[in-house]
């Protein structure tokens, strides 16, 4: 999770202007190969539970498998 603040890198300032306070980045991996990432933007500061993190990781793994099948 990355809190969005004005003193942060310029590339996230537009996110703050749009009203987002937190971004969660979930890597899309198949085995050891990084295929991309899923970025989830929230209008509030959030803390993910272990169960929520596990769910996002499982969804990203399923997406990686689907991406491999389509390629």
PDB file of N, CA and C in Angstrom:
ATOM      1  N   UNK A   1       0.832  -1.166   0.000  1.00  0.00           N
ATOM      2  CA  UNK A   1       0.000   0.000   0.000  1.00  0.00           C
ATOM      3  C   UNK A   1       0.879   1.233   0.000  1.00  0.00           C
ATOM      4  N   UNK A   2       0.471   2.200  -0.779  1.00  0.00           N
ATOM      5  CA  UNK A   2       1.230   3.433  -0.896  1.00  0.00           C
ATOM      6  C   UNK A   2       0.305   4.597  -0.563  1.00  0.00           C
ATOM      7  N   UNK A   3       0.573   5.326   0.524  1.00  0.00           N
ATOM      8  CA  UNK A   3      -0.247   6.508   0.787  1.00  0.00           C
ATOM      9  C   UNK A   3       0.095   7.592  -0.236  1.00  0.00           C
ATOM     10  N   UNK A   4      -0.893   8.297  -0.711  1.00  0.00           N
ATOM     11  CA  UNK A   4      -0.677   9.346  -1.706  1.00  0.00           C
ATOM     12  C   UNK A   4      -0.610  10.677  -0.968  1.00  0.00           C
ATOM     13  N   UNK A   5       0.518  11.349  -1.082  1.00  0.00           N
ATOM     14  CA  UNK A   5       0.718  12.639  -0.427  1.00  0.00           C
ATOM     15  C   UNK A   5       1.334  13.623  -1.426  1.00  0.00           C
ATOM     16  N   UNK A   6       1.141  14.900  -1.207  1.00  0.00           N
ATOM     17  CA  UNK A   6       1.664  15.906  -2.141  1.00  0.00           C
ATOM     18  C   UNK A   6       3.178  15.947  -2.159  1.00  0.00           C
ATOM     19  N   UNK A   7       3.850  15.601  -1.059  1.00  0.00           N
ATOM     20  CA  UNK A   7       5.309  15.639  -1.050  1.00  0.00           C
ATOM     21  C   UNK A   7       5.928  14.433  -1.746  1.00  0.00           C
ATOM     22  N   UNK A   8       5.102  13.502  -2.176  1.00  0.00           N
ATOM     23  CA  UNK A   8       5.591  12.305  -2.862  1.00  0.00           C
ATOM     24  C   UNK A   8       6.032  12.659  -4.292  1.00  0.00           C
ATOM     25  N   UNK A   9       6.445  11.658  -4.998  1.00  0.00           N
ATOM     26  CA  UNK A   9       6.897  11.800  -6.376  1.00  0.00           C
ATOM     27  C   UNK A   9       5.806  12.457  -7.230  1.00  0.00           C
ATOM     28  N   UNK A  10       6.209  13.285  -8.172  1.00  0.00           N
ATOM     29  CA  UNK A  10       5.266  14.049  -8.994  1.00  0.00           C
ATOM     30  C   UNK A  10       4.252  13.172  -9.716  1.00  0.00           C
ATOM     31  N   UNK A  11       4.594  11.943 -10.052  1.00  0.00           N
ATOM     32  CA  UNK A  11       3.679  11.102 -10.823  1.00  0.00           C
ATOM     33  C   UNK A  11       2.423  10.700 -10.054  1.00  0.00           C
ATOM     34  N   UNK A  12       2.432  10.783  -8.717  1.00  0.00           N
ATOM     35  CA  UNK A  12       1.229  10.453  -7.954  1.00  0.00           C
ATOM     36  C   UNK A  12       0.439  11.682  -7.536  1.00  0.00           C
ATOM     37  N   UNK A  13       0.937  12.862  -7.804  1.00  0.00           N
ATOM     38  CA  UNK A  13       0.222  14.080  -7.425  1.00  0.00           C
ATOM     39  C   UNK A  13      -1.120  14.176  -8.133  1.00  0.00           C
ATOM     40  N   UNK A  14      -1.193  13.740  -9.374  1.00  0.00           N
ATOM     41  CA  UNK A  14      -2.472  13.790 -10.089  1.00  0.00           C
ATOM     42  C   UNK A  14      -3.499  12.873  -9.420  1.00  0.00           C
ATOM     43  N   UNK A  15      -3.039  11.801  -8.776  1.00  0.00           N
ATOM     44  CA  UNK A  15      -3.940  10.913  -8.045  1.00  0.00           C
ATOM     45  C   UNK A  15      -4.538  11.635  -6.845  1.00  0.00           C
ATOM     46  N   UNK A  16      -3.720  12.396  -6.159  1.00  0.00           N
ATOM     47  CA  UNK A  16      -4.223  13.131  -5.010  1.00  0.00           C
ATOM     48  C   UNK A  16      -5.223  14.195  -5.462  1.00  0.00           C
ATOM     49  N   UNK A  17      -4.942  14.874  -6.547  1.00  0.00           N
ATOM     50  CA  UNK A  17      -5.882  15.875  -7.066  1.00  0.00           C
ATOM     51  C   UNK A  17      -7.206  15.232  -7.446  1.00  0.00           C
ATOM     52  N   UNK A  18      -7.187  13.974  -7.847  1.00  0.00           N
ATOM     53  CA  UNK A  18      -8.415  13.257  -8.204  1.00  0.00           C
ATOM     54  C   UNK A  18      -9.138  12.731  -6.966  1.00  0.00           C
ATOM     55  N   UNK A  19      -8.566  12.921  -5.780  1.00  0.00           N
ATOM     56  CA  UNK A  19      -9.234  12.533  -4.548  1.00  0.00           C
ATOM     57  C   UNK A  19      -8.820  11.189  -3.980  1.00  0.00           C
ATOM     58  N   UNK A  20      -7.818  10.555  -4.572  1.00  0.00           N
ATOM     59  CA  UNK A  20      -7.370   9.260  -4.057  1.00  0.00           C
ATOM     60  C   UNK A  20      -6.386   9.465  -2.917  1.00  0.00           C
ATOM     61  N   UNK A  21      -6.486   8.612  -1.895  1.00  0.00           N
ATOM     62  CA  UNK A  21      -5.586   8.699  -0.748  1.00  0.00           C
ATOM     63  C   UNK A  21      -4.626   7.522  -0.656  1.00  0.00           C
ATOM     64  N   UNK A  22      -4.999   6.380  -1.243  1.00  0.00           N
ATOM     65  CA  UNK A  22      -4.168   5.182  -1.137  1.00  0.00           C
ATOM     66  C   UNK A  22      -4.207   4.420  -2.452  1.00  0.00           C
ATOM     67  N   UNK A  23      -3.074   3.835  -2.807  1.00  0.00           N
ATOM     68  CA  UNK A  23      -3.033   2.917  -3.946  1.00  0.00           C
ATOM     69  C   UNK A  23      -2.427   1.603  -3.455  1.00  0.00           C
ATOM     70  N   UNK A  24      -3.044   0.505  -3.877  1.00  0.00           N
ATOM     71  CA  UNK A  24      -2.536  -0.833  -3.567  1.00  0.00           C
ATOM     72  C   UNK A  24      -2.071  -1.429  -4.887  1.00  0.00           C
ATOM     73  N   UNK A  25      -0.819  -1.837  -4.940  1.00  0.00           N
ATOM     74  CA  UNK A  25      -0.252  -2.423  -6.145  1.00  0.00           C
ATOM     75  C   UNK A  25      -0.057  -3.920  -5.921  1.00  0.00           C
ATOM     76  N   UNK A  26      -0.653  -4.725  -6.805  1.00  0.00           N
ATOM     77  CA  UNK A  26      -0.586  -6.184  -6.693  1.00  0.00           C
ATOM     78  C   UNK A  26       0.165  -6.712  -7.919  1.00  0.00           C
ATOM     79  N   UNK A  27       1.325  -7.336  -7.726  1.00  0.00           N
ATOM     80  CA  UNK A  27       2.064  -7.872  -8.871  1.00  0.00           C
ATOM     81  C   UNK A  27       1.340  -9.068  -9.494  1.00  0.00           C
ATOM     82  N   UNK A  28       1.410  -9.144 -10.812  1.00  0.00           N
ATOM     83  CA  UNK A  28       0.871 -10.291 -11.551  1.00  0.00           C
ATOM     84  C   UNK A  28       2.070 -11.145 -11.933  1.00  0.00           C
ATOM     85  N   UNK A  29       2.198 -12.296 -11.271  1.00  0.00           N
ATOM     86  CA  UNK A  29       3.357 -13.167 -11.494  1.00  0.00           C
ATOM     87  C   UNK A  29       2.909 -14.549 -11.880  1.00  0.00           C
ATOM     88  N   UNK A  30       3.666 -15.144 -12.772  1.00  0.00           N
ATOM     89  CA  UNK A  30       3.482 -16.550 -13.099  1.00  0.00           C
ATOM     90  C   UNK A  30       4.821 -17.213 -12.845  1.00  0.00           C
ATOM     91  N   UNK A  31       4.876 -18.035 -11.831  1.00  0.00           N
ATOM     92  CA  UNK A  31       6.125 -18.618 -11.338  1.00  0.00           C
ATOM     93  C   UNK A  31       7.029 -17.460 -10.904  1.00  0.00           C
ATOM     94  N   UNK A  32       8.190 -17.298 -11.498  1.00  0.00           N
ATOM     95  CA  UNK A  32       9.082 -16.194 -11.129  1.00  0.00           C
ATOM     96  C   UNK A  32       9.022 -15.048 -12.135  1.00  0.00           C
ATOM     97  N   UNK A  33       8.131 -15.127 -13.090  1.00  0.00           N
ATOM     98  CA  UNK A  33       8.056 -14.118 -14.154  1.00  0.00           C
ATOM     99  C   UNK A  33       7.023 -13.043 -13.801  1.00  0.00           C
ATOM    100  N   UNK A  34       7.469 -11.790 -13.747  1.00  0.00           N
ATOM    101  CA  UNK A  34       6.576 -10.666 -13.503  1.00  0.00           C
ATOM    102  C   UNK A  34       5.927 -10.271 -14.827  1.00  0.00           C
ATOM    103  N   UNK A  35       4.598 -10.327 -14.867  1.00  0.00           N
ATOM    104  CA  UNK A  35       3.868 -10.061 -16.112  1.00  0.00           C
ATOM    105  C   UNK A  35       3.194  -8.690 -16.110  1.00  0.00           C
ATOM    106  N   UNK A  36       3.114  -8.053 -14.950  1.00  0.00           N
ATOM    107  CA  UNK A  36       2.471  -6.752 -14.842  1.00  0.00           C
ATOM    108  C   UNK A  36       2.042  -6.506 -13.414  1.00  0.00           C
ATOM    109  N   UNK A  37       1.095  -5.571 -13.246  1.00  0.00           N
ATOM    110  CA  UNK A  37       0.573  -5.293 -11.917  1.00  0.00           C
ATOM    111  C   UNK A  37      -0.847  -4.762 -12.011  1.00  0.00           C
ATOM    112  N   UNK A  38      -1.566  -4.950 -10.928  1.00  0.00           N
ATOM    113  CA  UNK A  38      -2.911  -4.405 -10.784  1.00  0.00           C
ATOM    114  C   UNK A  38      -2.803  -3.286  -9.762  1.00  0.00           C
ATOM    115  N   UNK A  39      -3.280  -2.093 -10.105  1.00  0.00           N
ATOM    116  CA  UNK A  39      -3.271  -0.969  -9.171  1.00  0.00           C
ATOM    117  C   UNK A  39      -4.699  -0.647  -8.781  1.00  0.00           C
ATOM    118  N   UNK A  40      -4.959  -0.651  -7.476  1.00  0.00           N
ATOM    119  CA  UNK A  40      -6.274  -0.344  -6.930  1.00  0.00           C
ATOM    120  C   UNK A  40      -6.186   0.982  -6.196  1.00  0.00           C
ATOM    121  N   UNK A  41      -6.999   1.954  -6.600  1.00  0.00           N
ATOM    122  CA  UNK A  41      -6.978   3.286  -6.012  1.00  0.00           C
ATOM    123  C   UNK A  41      -8.172   3.459  -5.089  1.00  0.00           C
ATOM    124  N   UNK A  42      -7.933   4.022  -3.898  1.00  0.00           N
ATOM    125  CA  UNK A  42      -8.974   4.206  -2.897  1.00  0.00           C
ATOM    126  C   UNK A  42      -9.082   5.679  -2.521  1.00  0.00           C
ATOM    127  N   UNK A  43     -10.306   6.126  -2.291  1.00  0.00           N
ATOM    128  CA  UNK A  43     -10.552   7.501  -1.865  1.00  0.00           C
ATOM    129  C   UNK A  43     -10.388   7.670  -0.363  1.00  0.00           C
ATOM    130  N   UNK A  44      -9.936   6.661   0.345  1.00  0.00           N
ATOM    131  CA  UNK A  44      -9.723   6.707   1.789  1.00  0.00           C
ATOM    132  C   UNK A  44      -8.424   5.972   2.110  1.00  0.00           C
ATOM    133  N   UNK A  45      -7.895   6.224   3.292  1.00  0.00           N
ATOM    134  CA  UNK A  45      -6.739   5.459   3.735  1.00  0.00           C
ATOM    135  C   UNK A  45      -7.246   4.104   4.202  1.00  0.00           C
ATOM    136  N   UNK A  46      -6.622   3.060   3.719  1.00  0.00           N
ATOM    137  CA  UNK A  46      -7.082   1.706   4.032  1.00  0.00           C
ATOM    138  C   UNK A  46      -5.917   0.855   4.527  1.00  0.00           C
ATOM    139  N   UNK A  47      -6.257  -0.187   5.223  1.00  0.00           N
ATOM    140  CA  UNK A  47      -5.314  -1.236   5.616  1.00  0.00           C
ATOM    141  C   UNK A  47      -5.949  -2.557   5.209  1.00  0.00           C
ATOM    142  N   UNK A  48      -5.252  -3.322   4.395  1.00  0.00           N
ATOM    143  CA  UNK A  48      -5.773  -4.620   3.972  1.00  0.00           C
ATOM    144  C   UNK A  48      -5.494  -5.667   5.039  1.00  0.00           C
ATOM    145  N   UNK A  49      -6.454  -6.533   5.257  1.00  0.00           N
ATOM    146  CA  UNK A  49      -6.245  -7.665   6.167  1.00  0.00           C
ATOM    147  C   UNK A  49      -5.421  -8.734   5.437  1.00  0.00           C
ATOM    148  N   UNK A  50      -4.930  -9.694   6.182  1.00  0.00           N
ATOM    149  CA  UNK A  50      -4.184 -10.802   5.572  1.00  0.00           C
ATOM    150  C   UNK A  50      -5.074 -11.560   4.587  1.00  0.00           C
ATOM    151  N   UNK A  51      -6.355 -11.730   4.936  1.00  0.00           N
ATOM    152  CA  UNK A  51      -7.287 -12.437   4.052  1.00  0.00           C
ATOM    153  C   UNK A  51      -7.495 -11.664   2.753  1.00  0.00           C
ATOM    154  N   UNK A  52      -7.593 -10.340   2.836  1.00  0.00           N
ATOM    155  CA  UNK A  52      -7.764  -9.527   1.630  1.00  0.00           C
ATOM    156  C   UNK A  52      -6.518  -9.572   0.757  1.00  0.00           C
ATOM    157  N   UNK A  53      -5.355  -9.538   1.378  1.00  0.00           N
ATOM    158  CA  UNK A  53      -4.102  -9.651   0.609  1.00  0.00           C
ATOM    159  C   UNK A  53      -4.018 -11.007  -0.098  1.00  0.00           C
ATOM    160  N   UNK A  54      -4.380 -12.059   0.607  1.00  0.00           N
ATOM    161  CA  UNK A  54      -4.355 -13.399   0.020  1.00  0.00           C
ATOM    162  C   UNK A  54      -5.319 -13.498  -1.158  1.00  0.00           C
ATOM    163  N   UNK A  55      -6.504 -12.906  -1.004  1.00  0.00           N
ATOM    164  CA  UNK A  55      -7.485 -12.913  -2.087  1.00  0.00           C
ATOM    165  C   UNK A  55      -6.958 -12.171  -3.308  1.00  0.00           C
ATOM    166  N   UNK A  56      -6.376 -10.994  -3.114  1.00  0.00           N
ATOM    167  CA  UNK A  56      -5.823 -10.236  -4.240  1.00  0.00           C
ATOM    168  C   UNK A  56      -4.687 -10.993  -4.919  1.00  0.00           C
ATOM    169  N   UNK A  57      -3.827 -11.639  -4.126  1.00  0.00           N
ATOM    170  CA  UNK A  57      -2.737 -12.437  -4.701  1.00  0.00           C
ATOM    171  C   UNK A  57      -3.287 -13.609  -5.522  1.00  0.00           C
ATOM    172  N   UNK A  58      -4.331 -14.265  -5.003  1.00  0.00           N
ATOM    173  CA  UNK A  58      -4.939 -15.389  -5.728  1.00  0.00           C
ATOM    174  C   UNK A  58      -5.578 -14.921  -7.032  1.00  0.00           C
ATOM    175  N   UNK A  59      -6.257 -13.773  -7.000  1.00  0.00           N
ATOM    176  CA  UNK A  59      -6.861 -13.235  -8.221  1.00  0.00           C
ATOM    177  C   UNK A  59      -5.794 -12.861  -9.246  1.00  0.00           C
ATOM    178  N   UNK A  60      -4.697 -12.282  -8.772  1.00  0.00           N
ATOM    179  CA  UNK A  60      -3.599 -11.919  -9.675  1.00  0.00           C
ATOM    180  C   UNK A  60      -2.967 -13.167 -10.288  1.00  0.00           C
ATOM    181  N   UNK A  61      -2.861 -14.239  -9.516  1.00  0.00           N
ATOM    182  CA  UNK A  61      -2.312 -15.494 -10.035  1.00  0.00           C
ATOM    183  C   UNK A  61      -3.230 -16.086 -11.108  1.00  0.00           C
ATOM    184  N   UNK A  62      -4.538 -16.015 -10.899  1.00  0.00           N
ATOM    185  CA  UNK A  62      -5.482 -16.489 -11.898  1.00  0.00           C
ATOM    186  C   UNK A  62      -5.385 -15.659 -13.175  1.00  0.00           C
ATOM    187  N   UNK A  63      -5.249 -14.346 -13.015  1.00  0.00           N
ATOM    188  CA  UNK A  63      -5.088 -13.469 -14.168  1.00  0.00           C
ATOM    189  C   UNK A  63      -3.813 -13.803 -14.937  1.00  0.00           C
ATOM    190  N   UNK A  64      -2.739 -14.078 -14.233  1.00  0.00           N
ATOM    191  CA  UNK A  64      -1.460 -14.444 -14.883  1.00  0.00           C
ATOM    192  C   UNK A  64      -1.633 -15.713 -15.710  1.00  0.00           C
ATOM    193  N   UNK A  65      -2.336 -16.687 -15.159  1.00  0.00           N
ATOM    194  CA  UNK A  65      -2.587 -17.918 -15.910  1.00  0.00           C
ATOM    195  C   UNK A  65      -3.417 -17.661 -17.164  1.00  0.00           C
ATOM    196  N   UNK A  66      -4.413 -16.809 -17.052  1.00  0.00           N
ATOM    197  CA  UNK A  66      -5.242 -16.471 -18.219  1.00  0.00           C
ATOM    198  C   UNK A  66      -4.434 -15.710 -19.254  1.00  0.00           C
ATOM    199  N   UNK A  67      -3.561 -14.818 -18.804  1.00  0.00           N
ATOM    200  CA  UNK A  67      -2.716 -14.060 -19.738  1.00  0.00           C
ATOM    201  C   UNK A  67      -1.771 -14.990 -20.489  1.00  0.00           C
ATOM    202  N   UNK A  68      -1.251 -15.992 -19.797  1.00  0.00           N
ATOM    203  CA  UNK A  68      -0.336 -16.954 -20.442  1.00  0.00           C
ATOM    204  C   UNK A  68      -1.098 -17.748 -21.511  1.00  0.00           C
ATOM    205  N   UNK A  69      -2.334 -18.130 -21.210  1.00  0.00           N
ATOM    206  CA  UNK A  69      -3.134 -18.912 -22.141  1.00  0.00           C
ATOM    207  C   UNK A  69      -3.446 -18.125 -23.411  1.00  0.00           C
ATOM    208  N   UNK A  70      -3.676 -16.829 -23.272  1.00  0.00           N
ATOM    209  CA  UNK A  70      -4.023 -15.973 -24.413  1.00  0.00           C
ATOM    210  C   UNK A  70      -2.826 -15.607 -25.261  1.00  0.00           C
ATOM    211  N   UNK A  71      -1.628 -15.700 -24.705  1.00  0.00           N
ATOM    212  CA  UNK A  71      -0.434 -15.243 -25.423  1.00  0.00           C
ATOM    213  C   UNK A  71       0.026 -16.219 -26.454  1.00  0.00           C
TER     214      UNK A  71
END
